[in-house]
Protein backbone atom coordinates (compact mmCIF):
# COMPACT_ATOMS: atom_id res chain seq x y z
CA MET A 1 146.45 79.34 100.97
CA PRO A 2 144.41 80.60 103.91
CA THR A 3 141.43 78.63 105.19
CA LYS A 4 139.73 81.65 106.77
CA GLY A 5 139.78 85.24 105.52
CA ASN A 6 143.05 86.24 103.91
CA CYS A 7 146.75 85.59 104.46
CA HIS A 8 149.14 87.94 106.27
CA CYS A 9 149.99 89.95 103.15
CA GLY A 10 146.38 90.15 101.90
CA ILE A 11 147.17 88.82 98.44
CA PHE A 12 145.61 85.40 98.87
CA CYS A 13 142.15 84.92 100.31
CA THR A 14 139.30 82.44 100.48
CA LYS A 15 136.34 82.59 98.11
CA ASP A 16 134.12 83.87 100.95
CA LYS A 17 136.57 86.69 101.70
CA ALA A 18 136.83 87.55 98.00
CA ASP A 19 133.02 87.73 97.74
CA GLU A 20 132.93 89.94 100.84
CA LEU A 21 135.53 92.27 99.35
CA LEU A 22 133.71 92.37 96.03
CA ILE A 23 130.51 93.49 97.72
CA GLY A 24 132.47 96.29 99.34
CA ILE A 25 133.54 97.82 96.03
CA ASP A 26 132.01 101.25 95.68
CA THR A 27 129.13 100.84 93.23
CA LYS A 28 129.00 104.60 92.69
CA GLU A 29 132.27 104.30 90.79
CA ALA A 30 130.68 101.70 88.52
CA ILE A 31 127.82 104.10 87.83
CA VAL A 32 129.98 107.20 87.34
CA THR A 33 132.26 105.47 84.84
CA HIS A 34 130.89 102.55 82.89
CA SER A 35 132.50 100.31 80.29
CA ARG A 36 132.43 102.95 77.53
CA GLY A 37 134.40 105.22 79.84
CA LEU A 38 131.90 108.12 79.83
CA THR A 39 131.14 110.08 82.96
CA LYS A 40 127.70 111.44 83.77
CA ASN A 41 128.83 114.90 82.61
CA GLU A 42 130.10 113.51 79.29
CA CYS A 43 126.76 111.75 78.79
CA GLU A 44 124.90 114.98 79.52
CA ASP A 45 127.14 116.77 77.00
CA LEU A 46 126.11 114.21 74.36
CA LEU A 47 122.46 114.89 75.20
CA ASN A 48 123.04 118.57 74.40
CA LYS A 49 124.08 117.82 70.81
CA GLU A 50 121.67 117.96 67.86
CA ASP A 51 123.11 114.84 66.24
CA ILE A 52 124.89 111.83 67.74
CA SER A 53 126.61 108.80 66.24
CA SER A 54 125.58 105.19 66.70
CA ILE A 55 128.53 104.67 69.05
CA GLU A 56 127.43 107.65 71.16
CA LEU A 57 123.88 106.30 71.23
CA GLU A 58 125.15 102.92 72.39
CA ALA A 59 127.05 104.61 75.24
CA LEU A 60 123.98 106.67 76.17
CA LEU A 61 121.78 103.57 76.22
CA GLU A 62 124.21 101.90 78.58
CA ALA A 63 124.32 105.03 80.74
CA ARG A 64 120.50 105.13 80.80
CA GLU A 65 120.43 101.52 81.91
CA LEU A 66 122.77 102.48 84.78
CA GLY A 67 120.52 105.40 85.72
CA MET A 68 123.07 108.06 84.77
CA VAL A 69 120.85 109.86 82.22
CA ASP A 70 117.23 109.88 81.13
CA PHE A 71 115.82 110.12 77.60
CA LEU A 72 113.28 108.50 75.30
CA LEU A 73 114.44 106.54 72.25
CA VAL A 74 112.10 106.76 69.25
CA ASP A 75 112.29 104.73 66.03
CA THR A 76 110.97 106.67 63.00
CA ARG A 77 111.18 103.74 60.59
CA GLU A 78 108.16 101.84 59.30
CA TRP A 79 106.39 99.03 61.10
CA MET A 80 107.89 96.29 58.88
CA GLU A 81 111.39 97.59 59.57
CA TRP A 82 110.57 97.61 63.30
CA VAL A 83 109.38 93.99 63.17
CA ASN A 84 112.58 92.84 61.44
CA ALA A 85 115.02 94.60 63.77
CA ARG A 86 115.24 97.46 66.22
CA ILE A 87 117.61 98.91 68.75
CA GLU A 88 117.18 97.31 72.14
CA GLY A 89 115.83 99.93 74.51
CA THR A 90 113.58 101.66 71.96
CA ASP A 91 110.65 103.26 73.77
CA TYR A 92 108.36 104.21 70.87
CA LEU A 93 107.73 103.48 67.21
CA VAL A 94 106.63 106.62 65.35
CA PRO A 95 106.65 105.73 61.63
CA THR A 96 107.23 108.66 59.30
CA THR A 97 104.26 107.69 57.09
CA SER A 98 101.84 108.02 60.03
CA PHE A 99 103.96 110.48 61.97
CA TYR A 100 101.34 112.86 63.36
CA ASN A 101 98.99 110.09 64.53
CA SER A 102 101.82 107.98 65.93
CA LEU A 103 103.26 111.00 67.75
CA GLU A 104 100.17 111.26 69.97
CA PRO A 105 101.65 109.28 72.93
CA LEU A 106 104.60 111.70 73.03
CA ASN A 107 102.60 114.94 73.12
CA ASP A 108 102.74 115.05 76.93
CA LYS A 109 106.51 114.44 76.90
CA LYS A 110 107.59 117.64 75.14
CA ASP A 111 109.94 118.58 78.00
CA ARG A 112 111.82 115.26 77.93
CA THR A 113 114.96 114.60 75.91
CA ILE A 114 114.06 112.49 72.87
CA ILE A 115 116.51 110.68 70.60
CA LEU A 116 115.22 109.72 67.15
CA TYR A 117 116.67 107.14 64.79
CA CYS A 118 115.97 105.53 61.43
CA HIS A 119 118.01 103.51 58.93
CA SER A 120 120.18 106.30 57.52
CA GLY A 121 119.29 109.39 59.55
CA SER A 122 117.25 111.27 56.94
CA ARG A 123 113.75 110.34 58.19
CA SER A 124 114.74 110.96 61.79
CA ALA A 125 116.26 114.35 60.79
CA TYR A 126 112.96 115.31 59.13
CA CYS A 127 111.00 114.21 62.22
CA GLN A 128 113.45 116.10 64.43
CA ARG A 129 112.71 119.38 62.62
CA VAL A 130 108.95 118.79 62.77
CA MET A 131 109.01 117.92 66.48
CA LEU A 132 111.10 120.98 67.35
CA ASN A 133 108.62 123.15 65.41
CA MET A 134 105.79 121.48 67.39
CA GLY A 135 107.31 122.62 70.68
CA PHE A 136 109.38 119.61 71.74
CA LYS A 137 112.27 121.03 73.78
CA LYS A 138 115.15 118.63 73.09
CA VAL A 139 115.14 116.30 70.08
CA ILE A 140 118.35 114.59 68.98
CA ASN A 141 118.92 112.76 65.70
């Protein structure tokens, strides 16, 4: 085992050398392809769909965290459902029963991509249609 740097073949190295090499790994590669295996283009393709699955949403949330894509995540369930559990990364609660009043903070975000969710997809689908009719440009269920 080497005491400084790495050995002649480069297979074995000290902890300091390993840390130095680790820092040198291209972080762009980590951003372009994350653990779900989606590229930025694949994420953008998902954001062009009308409906996405929970697995696709999970991948998009991870991509958003890495700065690959940008969107708002909106929960259309009721307040008591929100208190009990919600998807980490949710930006807004817009309950269906008080939809128009709760939608107020989003009125200046009509050009942003918005992903809606609820328990089964029916409330968010209803809200999706209403928001598109109100002039929101890209609303995904």
